[in-house]
């Protein structure tokens, strides 16, 4: 997801990142993709009262509508051997008791007909916010040992995927790219004028979206955790919650354990994001993991191009300069399209952000695939000055996709196939994880800049503007969803108290993390395992979502043992696939 939301002049755990594009995302083609990295989380406990009418709903499992899953689509082996049914559950948009519409949450269930007496149900969610648990269910090949004993239930959280308002209306904003085109705002701000242009674009985009979606502020983690309790009570009745959450889904899991200890069953946090505040140490560890991934790409490219690693790095910097100088071409840029006589093609001017976001998007691929894609993308950008390859991964991160994975000619930003994951990520981030930041002094800015450079020497140089951040003005107001909430008297103020992440359930929780996962670094897995007194499984892999892929025999064996056998699971190490 998730990359961090790097807003104008915001201090992210000691790292000053100057950018305005939200950096949490979901890679559409990856079921387990997405995370949300919390810089400072200001949250309230979601344990507030839930009306009995929601807890006592009768859930009716029926054939899935074609809109959810077309039976003519390709089915996994797990689907073929199982009964696939769907249901919906109602939840209030606002749990405070005030009048509000309802969300209709979509669920899909796999049940092995040979399993006459299932041990229970296991809920799954791939993260985001914005990841579809329903899609994850249909994309997954669950271990037979688990499917023969449990039903698996994928759910779409409020406003995600198939979970719309009960009246059928969707939560959706207009295209952010269109707004940036309108105001001439680049995705990556390098100057004060560009920052001001971005401010105007962001302000108009958010205010327009808020006007079209007046209950946008109810899309937050606390409400999603309450929704999870409604699902548990409605679907399993008196049974505890069994849950496998991946990436941001681990935030839901950790908050649930802390808020509803009496209903905790078997809980797995796969590639965990931090569910409360991120310290400076946490932030720098995340930066170091990203640096290691970038270094791996450069080493691979050096072998590919038969040059030194230093030369590979210089090529990437040259491509960045081309983007900054508006010399890099693409198909999804923000400037007017034009005809290039040399190539006899129509292009748009690509942007620096399409380049950098595209590189970060590769973090969701296995390292071998990511290196291959990086080589192809850098070759195209360096040799031909065309950035369509990195653009593809950048668009994917923003909840947009190009049909068949190809960009053939100019892409109209209004017509790009997209979901609302970018909006959802921005809302959740801003309301819950964006701490009010006092303007930094020049000394503070420089210290933050130096820490970032020390932790990630190449990535910081690639990411930061050409201008010294310490010399940019500190009085530019960040316009965010949080500012909308604060300025609107009809919306409750964003919470200011913290929920302590702890495990008072007496039940063992399982944490699984990839040793070289650059999306949610293993440092985070160790931290949250300690908070929850959980068993920690370290997987010798760079993959994000080691458990959710269900293709690692060692991890699968751990999951089977955890869910089917008595006794506690010891912390251990699993090899990669």
Protein backbone atom coordinates (compact mmCIF):
# COMPACT_ATOMS: atom_id res chain seq x y z
CA UNK A 1 0.00 0.00 0.00
CA UNK A 2 1.91 0.91 1.31
CA UNK A 3 4.24 3.49 0.67
CA UNK A 4 4.05 6.43 2.98
CA UNK A 5 1.90 9.43 2.26
CA UNK A 6 4.64 11.95 1.67
CA UNK A 7 3.07 15.37 1.93
CA UNK A 8 4.63 18.80 1.52
CA UNK A 9 7.29 19.35 4.15
CA UNK A 10 6.00 16.64 6.45
CA UNK A 11 8.51 15.02 8.76
CA UNK A 12 8.10 11.28 8.49
CA UNK A 13 9.78 9.85 11.53
CA UNK A 14 12.86 11.94 10.91
CA UNK A 15 12.93 11.79 7.11
CA UNK A 16 11.92 14.89 5.21
CA UNK A 17 10.33 13.83 1.97
CA UNK A 18 9.25 16.58 -0.43
CA UNK A 19 6.48 15.27 -2.56
CA UNK A 20 2.74 15.53 -2.78
CA UNK A 21 1.61 12.24 -4.22
CA UNK A 22 0.20 9.75 -1.75
CA UNK A 23 2.61 6.88 -1.39
CA UNK A 24 0.31 4.13 -0.19
CA UNK A 25 -1.06 2.00 -2.89
CA UNK A 26 -2.33 -1.30 -4.15
CA UNK A 27 -0.74 -2.99 -7.13
CA UNK A 28 -3.83 -4.19 -8.93
CA UNK A 29 -2.34 -7.42 -10.20
CA UNK A 30 -1.03 -8.51 -6.81
CA UNK A 31 -3.58 -9.95 -4.42
CA UNK A 32 -1.50 -9.45 -1.32
CA UNK A 33 -0.17 -6.05 -2.22
CA UNK A 34 -0.55 -3.02 -0.04
CA UNK A 35 0.45 -1.69 3.23
CA UNK A 36 0.05 1.37 5.27
CA UNK A 37 3.09 2.61 7.11
CA UNK A 38 2.13 4.77 10.06
CA UNK A 39 4.31 7.74 10.85
CA UNK A 40 2.37 8.81 13.93
CA UNK A 41 -1.02 7.26 14.55
CA UNK A 42 -3.65 9.15 16.46
CA UNK A 43 -6.48 6.68 16.90
CA UNK A 44 -9.30 5.92 19.24
CA UNK A 45 -10.44 2.53 20.34
CA UNK A 46 -13.06 1.10 18.02
CA UNK A 47 -14.72 -0.72 20.86
CA UNK A 48 -17.62 1.69 21.00
CA UNK A 49 -21.14 0.35 21.17
CA UNK A 50 -22.49 -1.59 18.23
CA UNK A 51 -26.23 -1.90 17.94
CA UNK A 52 -27.64 -5.41 18.37
CA UNK A 53 -29.48 -5.10 15.09
CA UNK A 54 -26.14 -5.29 13.31
CA UNK A 55 -24.57 -7.96 15.52
CA UNK A 56 -27.59 -10.24 15.22
CA UNK A 57 -28.06 -10.13 11.45
CA UNK A 58 -29.06 -13.32 9.68
CA UNK A 59 -26.52 -14.06 6.97
CA UNK A 60 -27.85 -15.86 3.90
CA UNK A 61 -25.29 -17.60 1.70
CA UNK A 62 -26.36 -17.80 -1.94
CA UNK A 63 -24.84 -18.23 -5.37
CA UNK A 64 -22.46 -15.39 -6.16
CA UNK A 65 -23.80 -12.85 -8.64
CA UNK A 66 -21.95 -12.63 -11.95
CA UNK A 67 -20.84 -9.12 -11.02
CA UNK A 68 -18.86 -10.61 -8.12
CA UNK A 69 -17.59 -13.78 -9.77
CA UNK A 70 -18.45 -15.02 -13.23
CA UNK A 71 -18.61 -18.86 -13.17
CA UNK A 72 -17.15 -18.86 -16.69
CA UNK A 73 -13.93 -17.26 -15.42
CA UNK A 74 -10.93 -19.43 -14.67
CA UNK A 75 -11.24 -21.09 -11.28
CA UNK A 76 -8.48 -22.12 -8.93
CA UNK A 77 -8.20 -25.71 -7.79
CA UNK A 78 -9.51 -24.62 -4.40
CA UNK A 79 -12.61 -23.17 -6.04
CA UNK A 80 -13.20 -26.21 -8.17
CA UNK A 81 -13.24 -28.53 -5.18
CA UNK A 82 -15.39 -26.21 -3.05
CA UNK A 83 -18.79 -24.68 -2.85
CA UNK A 84 -18.55 -20.98 -3.59
CA UNK A 85 -21.27 -18.77 -2.11
CA UNK A 86 -21.74 -15.08 -1.37
CA UNK A 87 -23.55 -12.96 1.19
CA UNK A 88 -23.84 -9.36 2.31
CA UNK A 89 -23.87 -7.78 5.77
CA UNK A 90 -25.06 -4.28 6.66
CA UNK A 91 -23.03 -1.87 8.80
CA UNK A 92 -23.71 1.77 9.68
CA UNK A 93 -21.48 4.39 8.11
CA UNK A 94 -21.35 6.17 11.48
CA UNK A 95 -21.29 4.08 14.66
CA UNK A 96 -21.90 7.10 16.91
CA UNK A 97 -25.66 6.73 16.66
CA UNK A 98 -26.19 9.73 14.42
CA UNK A 99 -28.26 9.33 11.28
CA UNK A 100 -26.16 7.95 8.47
CA UNK A 101 -26.46 5.66 5.47
CA UNK A 102 -25.40 2.02 5.62
CA UNK A 103 -22.70 0.11 3.83
CA UNK A 104 -23.49 -3.31 2.38
CA UNK A 105 -20.36 -5.40 2.88
CA UNK A 106 -19.73 -8.12 0.32
CA UNK A 107 -18.52 -11.55 1.45
CA UNK A 108 -17.53 -14.65 -0.50
CA UNK A 109 -17.04 -18.09 1.06
CA UNK A 110 -15.24 -21.26 0.06
CA UNK A 111 -16.59 -24.41 1.69
CA UNK A 112 -15.32 -27.93 1.03
CA UNK A 113 -18.47 -30.12 0.81
CA UNK A 114 -16.43 -33.02 2.20
CA UNK A 115 -15.94 -31.00 5.38
CA UNK A 116 -19.13 -31.85 7.24
CA UNK A 117 -18.06 -30.24 10.53
CA UNK A 118 -15.71 -27.32 9.89
CA UNK A 119 -13.59 -26.12 12.79
CA UNK A 120 -14.74 -22.63 11.94
CA UNK A 121 -14.24 -19.87 9.41
CA UNK A 122 -11.08 -17.98 8.52
CA UNK A 123 -11.59 -14.42 7.31
CA UNK A 124 -8.99 -12.98 4.93
CA UNK A 125 -8.07 -9.49 3.77
CA UNK A 126 -5.14 -8.46 1.51
CA UNK A 127 -4.64 -4.92 2.79
CA UNK A 128 -4.82 -1.48 1.25
CA UNK A 129 -6.93 0.19 2.41
CA UNK A 130 -8.59 -0.64 -0.87
CA UNK A 131 -7.70 -4.32 -1.26
CA UNK A 132 -10.55 -6.68 -2.04
CA UNK A 133 -10.80 -9.75 0.16
CA UNK A 134 -13.40 -11.15 -2.22
CA UNK A 135 -10.98 -10.98 -5.13
CA UNK A 136 -8.25 -12.42 -2.92
CA UNK A 137 -10.48 -15.40 -2.14
CA UNK A 138 -11.02 -16.16 -5.82
CA UNK A 139 -7.33 -15.70 -6.63
CA UNK A 140 -5.93 -17.89 -3.84
CA UNK A 141 -4.99 -21.56 -3.76
CA UNK A 142 -5.44 -22.43 -0.09
CA UNK A 143 -3.65 -25.42 1.46
CA UNK A 144 -5.82 -28.53 1.31
CA UNK A 145 -5.14 -29.25 4.98
CA UNK A 146 -6.83 -25.96 5.91
CA UNK A 147 -9.61 -25.99 3.33
CA UNK A 148 -10.63 -29.44 4.50
CA UNK A 149 -11.16 -28.14 8.04
CA UNK A 150 -12.15 -24.46 7.66
CA UNK A 151 -14.35 -22.30 5.52
CA UNK A 152 -12.49 -19.34 4.03
CA UNK A 153 -14.30 -16.01 3.85
CA UNK A 154 -13.03 -13.02 1.90
CA UNK A 155 -14.62 -9.66 2.58
CA UNK A 156 -14.44 -6.22 1.05
CA UNK A 157 -14.24 -3.48 3.70
CA UNK A 158 -16.54 -0.47 3.49
CA UNK A 159 -16.25 1.44 0.20
CA UNK A 160 -13.86 -1.19 -1.18
CA UNK A 161 -14.50 -3.34 -4.24
CA UNK A 162 -18.06 -4.71 -4.08
CA UNK A 163 -18.91 -3.15 -0.68
CA UNK A 164 -20.84 -0.03 -1.64
CA UNK A 165 -23.50 1.98 0.14
CA UNK A 166 -26.69 0.01 0.73
CA UNK A 167 -28.54 2.12 -1.86
CA UNK A 168 -26.04 0.98 -4.50
CA UNK A 169 -24.09 4.22 -4.73
CA UNK A 170 -20.31 4.04 -4.78
CA UNK A 171 -17.65 6.06 -3.06
CA UNK A 172 -15.65 7.57 -5.89
CA UNK A 173 -13.81 10.75 -6.75
CA UNK A 174 -12.97 12.20 -10.10
CA UNK A 175 -9.58 11.38 -11.55
CA UNK A 176 -6.71 13.01 -9.69
CA UNK A 177 -4.66 13.08 -12.88
CA UNK A 178 -7.33 15.19 -14.53
CA UNK A 179 -7.13 17.73 -11.72
CA UNK A 180 -3.38 17.91 -12.00
CA UNK A 181 -3.68 18.45 -15.74
CA UNK A 182 -6.21 21.22 -15.15
CA UNK A 183 -4.00 23.16 -12.79
CA UNK A 184 -0.72 22.36 -14.47
CA UNK A 185 0.60 20.78 -11.30
CA UNK A 186 3.37 18.25 -11.73
CA UNK A 187 3.19 15.11 -9.64
CA UNK A 188 6.61 15.86 -8.19
CA UNK A 189 7.14 19.37 -6.86
CA UNK A 190 10.64 20.79 -7.31
CA UNK A 191 10.00 24.50 -6.82
CA UNK A 192 7.82 26.78 -4.74
CA UNK A 193 5.65 27.61 -7.75
CA UNK A 194 5.07 23.93 -8.38
CA UNK A 195 4.17 23.39 -4.73
CA UNK A 196 1.62 26.20 -4.95
CA UNK A 197 0.15 24.72 -8.13
CA UNK A 198 -0.11 21.37 -6.43
CA UNK A 199 -1.83 22.98 -3.45
CA UNK A 200 -4.53 24.41 -5.73
CA UNK A 201 -5.00 21.09 -7.52
CA UNK A 202 -5.14 19.10 -4.27
CA UNK A 203 -7.54 21.57 -2.63
CA UNK A 204 -9.99 21.52 -5.52
CA UNK A 205 -9.75 17.77 -5.95
CA UNK A 206 -10.45 17.01 -2.30
CA UNK A 207 -13.22 19.56 -1.82
CA UNK A 208 -14.99 18.35 -4.95
CA UNK A 209 -14.71 14.73 -3.86
CA UNK A 210 -15.90 15.52 -0.33
CA UNK A 211 -18.93 17.36 -1.70
CA UNK A 212 -19.87 14.30 -3.79
CA UNK A 213 -19.22 11.90 -0.88
CA UNK A 214 -20.42 13.58 2.34
CA UNK A 215 -19.73 10.51 4.51
CA UNK A 216 -16.14 10.08 3.34
CA UNK A 217 -14.90 10.64 6.90
CA UNK A 218 -16.50 7.40 8.09
CA UNK A 219 -13.97 5.42 6.08
CA UNK A 220 -11.39 4.84 8.78
CA UNK A 221 -9.66 1.96 10.52
CA UNK A 222 -11.69 2.14 13.72
CA UNK A 223 -14.94 1.73 11.81
CA UNK A 224 -13.46 -1.10 9.75
CA UNK A 225 -12.50 -2.90 12.96
CA UNK A 226 -16.05 -2.46 14.25
CA UNK A 227 -17.24 -3.82 10.90
CA UNK A 228 -15.00 -6.85 11.45
CA UNK A 229 -16.67 -7.47 14.80
CA UNK A 230 -20.09 -7.25 13.09
CA UNK A 231 -18.92 -9.82 10.54
CA UNK A 232 -17.65 -12.13 13.29
CA UNK A 233 -20.90 -11.90 15.26
CA UNK A 234 -23.18 -12.21 12.23
CA UNK A 235 -21.34 -15.01 10.46
CA UNK A 236 -19.84 -17.11 13.27
CA UNK A 237 -22.27 -16.17 16.06
CA UNK A 238 -20.65 -17.25 19.33
CA UNK A 239 -17.35 -18.37 17.79
CA UNK A 240 -14.14 -16.31 18.01
CA UNK A 241 -12.61 -14.49 15.05
CA UNK A 242 -10.05 -16.34 12.94
CA UNK A 243 -8.33 -13.93 10.59
CA UNK A 244 -5.39 -13.77 8.18
CA UNK A 245 -4.59 -10.14 7.43
CA UNK A 246 -1.87 -9.06 5.02
CA UNK A 247 -0.14 -5.67 4.90
CA UNK A 248 -2.71 -3.05 5.96
CA UNK A 249 -4.94 -6.02 6.84
CA UNK A 250 -2.53 -6.56 9.75
CA UNK A 251 -3.51 -3.13 11.10
CA UNK A 252 -7.11 -4.35 11.23
CA UNK A 253 -5.92 -7.54 12.91
CA UNK A 254 -3.78 -5.81 15.55
CA UNK A 255 -6.48 -3.26 16.35
CA UNK A 256 -9.04 -6.06 16.66
CA UNK A 257 -6.85 -8.02 19.09
CA UNK A 258 -6.42 -4.88 21.21
CA UNK A 259 -10.11 -3.91 21.08
CA UNK A 260 -11.95 -7.24 21.29
CA UNK A 261 -9.69 -9.60 23.27
CA UNK A 262 -12.66 -11.70 24.39
CA UNK A 263 -13.40 -12.64 20.76
CA UNK A 264 -9.89 -13.40 19.54
CA UNK A 265 -9.37 -16.79 17.92
CA UNK A 266 -6.49 -17.59 15.57
CA UNK A 267 -5.02 -14.34 14.20
CA UNK A 268 -2.24 -14.12 11.60
CA UNK A 269 -0.43 -10.90 10.72
CA UNK A 270 1.28 -11.41 7.37
CA UNK A 271 3.87 -8.77 6.34
CA UNK A 272 2.70 -6.45 9.09
CA UNK A 273 2.42 -2.69 8.95
CA UNK A 274 2.73 -0.92 12.28
CA UNK A 275 -0.64 -0.38 13.91
CA UNK A 276 0.38 2.54 16.07
CA UNK A 277 3.13 5.10 15.95
CA UNK A 278 6.31 4.78 13.94
CA UNK A 279 9.47 5.93 15.64
CA UNK A 280 12.41 7.56 13.92
CA UNK A 281 14.18 4.20 14.14
CA UNK A 282 11.26 2.53 12.37
CA UNK A 283 11.23 5.13 9.62
CA UNK A 284 14.95 4.91 8.97
CA UNK A 285 14.76 1.10 8.92
CA UNK A 286 12.09 1.38 6.23
CA UNK A 287 14.28 3.77 4.23
CA UNK A 288 17.23 1.37 4.55
CA UNK A 289 15.10 -1.53 3.24
CA UNK A 290 14.13 0.55 0.21
CA UNK A 291 17.79 1.43 -0.33
CA UNK A 292 18.74 -2.26 -0.29
CA UNK A 293 16.09 -3.04 -2.90
CA UNK A 294 17.29 -0.21 -5.17
CA UNK A 295 20.90 -1.38 -4.81
CA UNK A 296 19.79 -4.87 -5.85
CA UNK A 297 18.17 -3.41 -8.98
CA UNK A 298 21.32 -1.49 -9.89
CA UNK A 299 23.56 -4.54 -9.46
CA UNK A 300 21.22 -6.54 -11.67
CA UNK A 301 21.14 -3.78 -14.28
CA UNK A 302 24.92 -3.53 -14.27
CA UNK A 303 25.17 -7.23 -15.14
CA UNK A 304 22.45 -6.81 -17.75
CA UNK A 305 24.06 -3.82 -19.46
CA UNK A 306 27.65 -5.04 -18.88
CA UNK A 307 28.62 -1.86 -17.07
CA UNK A 308 29.69 -0.99 -13.54
CA UNK A 309 27.19 -0.40 -10.75
CA UNK A 310 28.35 3.22 -10.65
CA UNK A 311 27.57 3.62 -14.35
CA UNK A 312 24.15 2.02 -13.81
CA UNK A 313 23.44 4.55 -11.08
CA UNK A 314 24.54 7.43 -13.31
CA UNK A 315 22.17 6.23 -16.03
CA UNK A 316 19.27 6.32 -13.58
CA UNK A 317 20.21 9.83 -12.44
CA UNK A 318 20.41 10.94 -16.06
CA UNK A 319 16.91 9.60 -16.68
CA UNK A 320 15.69 11.50 -13.60
CA UNK A 321 17.24 14.71 -14.95
CA UNK A 322 15.51 14.09 -18.28
CA UNK A 323 12.19 13.85 -16.47
CA UNK A 324 12.87 17.04 -14.52
CA UNK A 325 13.79 18.83 -17.76
CA UNK A 326 10.59 17.57 -19.46
CA UNK A 327 12.58 15.50 -21.94
CA UNK A 328 11.21 12.10 -20.94
CA UNK A 329 8.34 10.86 -23.08
CA UNK A 330 5.43 8.66 -22.12
CA UNK A 331 1.77 7.93 -22.63
CA UNK A 332 0.24 9.09 -19.35
CA UNK A 333 1.94 12.41 -18.71
CA UNK A 334 0.31 15.56 -17.50
CA UNK A 335 1.17 17.91 -20.35
CA UNK A 336 -0.43 18.23 -23.75
CA UNK A 337 0.27 15.44 -26.16
CA UNK A 338 2.52 16.13 -29.08
CA UNK A 339 3.86 14.48 -32.21
CA UNK A 340 7.46 13.27 -32.27
CA UNK A 341 8.77 13.32 -35.84
CA UNK A 342 11.78 11.17 -35.08
CA UNK A 343 9.70 8.23 -33.89
CA UNK A 344 6.55 9.07 -35.87
CA UNK A 345 4.53 8.74 -32.68
CA UNK A 346 2.27 10.75 -30.41
CA UNK A 347 3.49 11.19 -26.85
CA UNK A 348 2.99 13.14 -23.69
CA UNK A 349 5.72 14.56 -21.49
CA UNK A 350 6.25 12.08 -18.68
CA UNK A 351 7.05 13.26 -15.16
CA UNK A 352 9.58 12.61 -12.45
CA UNK A 353 6.93 11.05 -10.25
CA UNK A 354 6.00 8.49 -12.88
CA UNK A 355 9.62 7.41 -12.87
CA UNK A 356 10.15 7.22 -9.10
CA UNK A 357 6.73 5.79 -8.28
CA UNK A 358 7.23 3.19 -10.99
CA UNK A 359 10.51 2.10 -9.40
CA UNK A 360 8.87 1.81 -5.99
CA UNK A 361 5.99 -0.13 -7.52
CA UNK A 362 8.39 -2.89 -8.46
CA UNK A 363 8.78 -3.63 -4.73
CA UNK A 364 5.60 -5.66 -4.89
CA UNK A 365 7.08 -8.12 -7.36
CA UNK A 366 9.42 -11.00 -6.46
CA UNK A 367 12.98 -9.76 -6.79
CA UNK A 368 13.75 -11.80 -9.90
CA UNK A 369 10.73 -10.39 -11.73
CA UNK A 370 11.40 -6.89 -10.38
CA UNK A 371 15.00 -6.92 -11.63
CA UNK A 372 13.89 -8.03 -15.08
CA UNK A 373 11.27 -5.29 -15.25
CA UNK A 374 13.69 -2.66 -13.93
CA UNK A 375 16.20 -3.58 -16.64
CA UNK A 376 13.61 -3.24 -19.40
CA UNK A 377 12.19 0.00 -18.01
CA UNK A 378 15.55 1.67 -17.53
CA UNK A 379 16.71 0.62 -20.99
CA UNK A 380 13.62 2.19 -22.55
CA UNK A 381 13.97 5.40 -20.54
CA UNK A 382 17.72 5.77 -21.04
CA UNK A 383 18.13 4.61 -24.64
CA UNK A 384 14.85 5.84 -26.11
CA UNK A 385 13.77 8.54 -23.63
CA UNK A 386 10.43 6.72 -23.24
CA UNK A 387 9.02 6.10 -19.76
CA UNK A 388 5.91 4.01 -20.51
CA UNK A 389 7.29 1.00 -18.64
CA UNK A 390 7.76 2.77 -15.30
CA UNK A 391 4.49 4.62 -15.97
CA UNK A 392 2.63 1.32 -15.98
CA UNK A 393 3.75 0.46 -12.45
CA UNK A 394 3.16 4.01 -11.23
CA UNK A 395 -0.41 3.95 -12.51
CA UNK A 396 -0.93 0.57 -10.87
CA UNK A 397 0.16 2.03 -7.55
CA UNK A 398 -2.40 4.79 -7.88
CA UNK A 399 -5.26 2.34 -8.36
CA UNK A 400 -5.24 2.68 -12.14
CA UNK A 401 -4.59 0.03 -14.71
CA UNK A 402 -4.07 -0.27 -18.42
CA UNK A 403 -5.90 -3.03 -20.26
CA UNK A 404 -3.78 -6.12 -20.86
CA UNK A 405 -0.81 -4.42 -19.22
CA UNK A 406 -0.02 -2.45 -22.35
CA UNK A 407 0.06 1.22 -23.09
CA UNK A 408 -0.64 1.62 -26.79
CA UNK A 409 -0.76 5.27 -27.72
CA UNK A 410 -1.92 8.26 -25.65
CA UNK A 411 -3.93 7.38 -22.58
CA UNK A 412 -6.78 9.72 -21.75
CA UNK A 413 -6.52 10.20 -17.99
CA UNK A 414 -10.31 10.22 -17.77
CA UNK A 415 -10.57 6.81 -19.36
CA UNK A 416 -7.93 4.86 -17.46
CA UNK A 417 -9.52 1.93 -15.69
CA UNK A 418 -9.25 2.69 -12.00
CA UNK A 419 -10.63 1.81 -8.59
CA UNK A 420 -10.96 4.06 -5.54
CA UNK A 421 -8.01 2.63 -3.60
CA UNK A 422 -5.96 5.82 -3.92
CA UNK A 423 -8.74 7.90 -2.36
CA UNK A 424 -9.28 5.37 0.44
CA UNK A 425 -5.59 5.26 1.27
CA UNK A 426 -5.39 9.03 1.38
CA UNK A 427 -8.43 9.32 3.65
CA UNK A 428 -7.31 6.68 6.15
CA UNK A 429 -3.79 8.04 6.16
CA UNK A 430 -4.79 11.64 6.65
CA UNK A 431 -7.40 11.07 9.35
CA UNK A 432 -5.45 8.58 11.43
CA UNK A 433 -1.78 8.73 10.65
CA UNK A 434 -1.03 12.30 9.73
CA UNK A 435 0.18 13.95 12.90
CA UNK A 436 -0.03 17.73 13.02
CA UNK A 437 3.49 18.89 12.19
CA UNK A 438 4.86 22.20 13.34
CA UNK A 439 6.91 24.11 10.76
CA UNK A 440 10.48 22.91 10.88
CA UNK A 441 13.40 25.19 11.43
CA UNK A 442 16.15 25.16 8.86
CA UNK A 443 18.34 23.25 11.32
CA UNK A 444 15.63 20.63 11.91
CA UNK A 445 15.07 20.25 8.19
CA UNK A 446 18.75 19.74 7.56
CA UNK A 447 19.02 17.15 10.34
CA UNK A 448 16.08 15.23 8.92
CA UNK A 449 17.61 15.44 5.47
CA UNK A 450 20.98 14.17 6.75
CA UNK A 451 19.38 11.21 8.57
CA UNK A 452 17.51 10.25 5.43
CA UNK A 453 20.70 10.48 3.34
CA UNK A 454 22.65 8.36 5.81
CA UNK A 455 19.98 5.63 5.91
CA UNK A 456 19.37 5.62 2.15
CA UNK A 457 22.15 7.44 0.26
CA UNK A 458 20.97 6.57 -3.26
CA UNK A 459 17.22 6.48 -2.66
CA UNK A 460 17.29 9.87 -0.92
CA UNK A 461 19.18 11.38 -3.85
CA UNK A 462 16.70 9.86 -6.27
CA UNK A 463 13.67 10.86 -4.25
CA UNK A 464 14.40 14.40 -3.09
CA UNK A 465 14.12 17.48 -5.24
CA UNK A 466 17.13 19.21 -6.71
CA UNK A 467 16.61 22.01 -4.24
CA UNK A 468 17.96 21.73 -0.72
CA UNK A 469 14.86 21.01 1.42
CA UNK A 470 16.31 23.12 4.19
CA UNK A 471 16.08 26.20 1.99
CA UNK A 472 12.48 25.80 0.90
CA UNK A 473 9.82 27.84 2.75
CA UNK A 474 8.22 26.13 5.73
CA UNK A 475 4.88 27.94 5.65
CA UNK A 476 3.17 26.10 2.79
CA UNK A 477 -0.03 24.62 4.16
CA UNK A 478 -0.56 20.95 3.38
CA UNK A 479 -4.09 20.45 2.11
CA UNK A 480 -5.37 17.03 3.06
CA UNK A 481 -8.48 15.12 4.02
CA UNK A 482 -7.56 15.81 7.64
CA UNK A 483 -7.70 19.56 7.01
CA UNK A 484 -11.15 19.14 5.45
CA UNK A 485 -12.35 17.31 8.55
CA UNK A 486 -10.96 19.96 10.89
CA UNK A 487 -12.45 22.81 8.85
CA UNK A 488 -15.92 21.23 8.60
CA UNK A 489 -17.93 21.63 11.84
CA UNK A 490 -20.32 18.82 10.83
CA UNK A 491 -17.51 16.24 10.87
CA UNK A 492 -16.06 14.85 14.12
CA UNK A 493 -12.51 16.00 14.71
CA UNK A 494 -9.85 13.41 13.90
CA UNK A 495 -9.07 11.37 17.03
CA UNK A 496 -6.19 12.39 19.27
CA UNK A 497 -5.88 9.48 21.71
CA UNK A 498 -4.02 6.28 20.98
CA UNK A 499 -5.13 2.70 21.21
CA UNK A 500 -2.45 0.66 22.91
CA UNK A 501 -1.55 -2.30 20.74
CA UNK A 502 -1.44 -5.25 23.10
CA UNK A 503 -2.75 -8.80 23.43
CA UNK A 504 -4.92 -9.35 26.50
CA UNK A 505 -6.80 -12.27 24.95
CA UNK A 506 -4.64 -15.07 26.32
CA UNK A 507 -4.55 -16.46 22.76
CA UNK A 508 -1.42 -16.82 20.70
CA UNK A 509 -1.10 -14.54 17.68
CA UNK A 510 1.13 -15.40 14.71
CA UNK A 511 3.32 -12.82 12.89
CA UNK A 512 4.97 -13.64 9.54
CA UNK A 513 7.50 -11.34 7.88
CA UNK A 514 9.86 -11.47 4.92
CA UNK A 515 13.52 -10.97 5.83
CA UNK A 516 14.10 -8.58 2.91
CA UNK A 517 10.58 -7.26 2.36
CA UNK A 518 11.08 -3.60 1.41
CA UNK A 519 7.35 -2.80 1.52
CA UNK A 520 6.91 -3.72 5.18
CA UNK A 521 10.45 -4.30 6.47
CA UNK A 522 11.10 -7.16 8.85
CA UNK A 523 11.90 -4.59 11.52
CA UNK A 524 8.17 -3.94 11.73
CA UNK A 525 7.34 -7.64 12.08
CA UNK A 526 9.72 -7.90 15.05
CA UNK A 527 8.22 -4.83 16.69
CA UNK A 528 4.58 -5.83 16.41
CA UNK A 529 5.37 -9.44 17.41
CA UNK A 530 6.80 -8.06 20.64
CA UNK A 531 3.75 -5.81 21.18
CA UNK A 532 1.36 -8.75 20.77
CA UNK A 533 3.57 -11.34 22.47
CA UNK A 534 3.27 -13.30 19.25
CA UNK A 535 5.17 -16.12 17.62
CA UNK A 536 7.40 -14.67 14.88
CA UNK A 537 8.07 -16.54 11.65
CA UNK A 538 10.94 -15.07 9.64
CA UNK A 539 10.81 -16.01 5.96
CA UNK A 540 14.05 -15.87 3.98
CA UNK A 541 12.52 -13.91 1.11
CA UNK A 542 12.11 -10.45 -0.36
CA UNK A 543 8.43 -11.17 -1.07
CA UNK A 544 5.61 -9.10 0.41
CA UNK A 545 2.77 -11.31 1.62
CA UNK A 546 4.60 -14.59 2.27
CA UNK A 547 1.54 -16.24 3.83
CA UNK A 548 -1.08 -14.85 1.45
CA UNK A 549 0.65 -16.37 -1.56
CA UNK A 550 0.11 -19.88 -0.10
CA UNK A 551 2.99 -21.22 -2.22
CA UNK A 552 5.70 -21.59 0.42
CA UNK A 553 5.63 -25.11 1.84
CA UNK A 554 7.27 -24.11 5.10
CA UNK A 555 4.90 -21.19 5.70
CA UNK A 556 1.91 -23.35 4.75
CA UNK A 557 3.02 -25.98 7.25
CA UNK A 558 3.22 -23.32 9.97
CA UNK A 559 -0.29 -22.10 9.10
CA UNK A 560 -1.69 -25.63 9.14
CA UNK A 561 -0.10 -26.35 12.49
CA UNK A 562 -1.32 -23.05 13.95
CA UNK A 563 -4.93 -23.51 12.85
CA UNK A 564 -5.36 -27.25 13.37
CA UNK A 565 -3.24 -28.36 16.32
CA UNK A 566 -3.30 -27.66 20.00
CA UNK A 567 -0.40 -25.99 21.70
CA UNK A 568 1.64 -22.91 20.88
CA UNK A 569 3.67 -22.36 17.73
CA UNK A 570 7.35 -21.61 18.36
CA UNK A 571 9.08 -18.75 16.59
CA UNK A 572 11.10 -20.08 13.66
CA UNK A 573 12.70 -19.38 10.30
CA UNK A 574 11.35 -20.53 6.93
CA UNK A 575 13.33 -20.67 3.73
CA UNK A 576 12.14 -18.89 0.62
CA UNK A 577 10.12 -20.67 -2.02
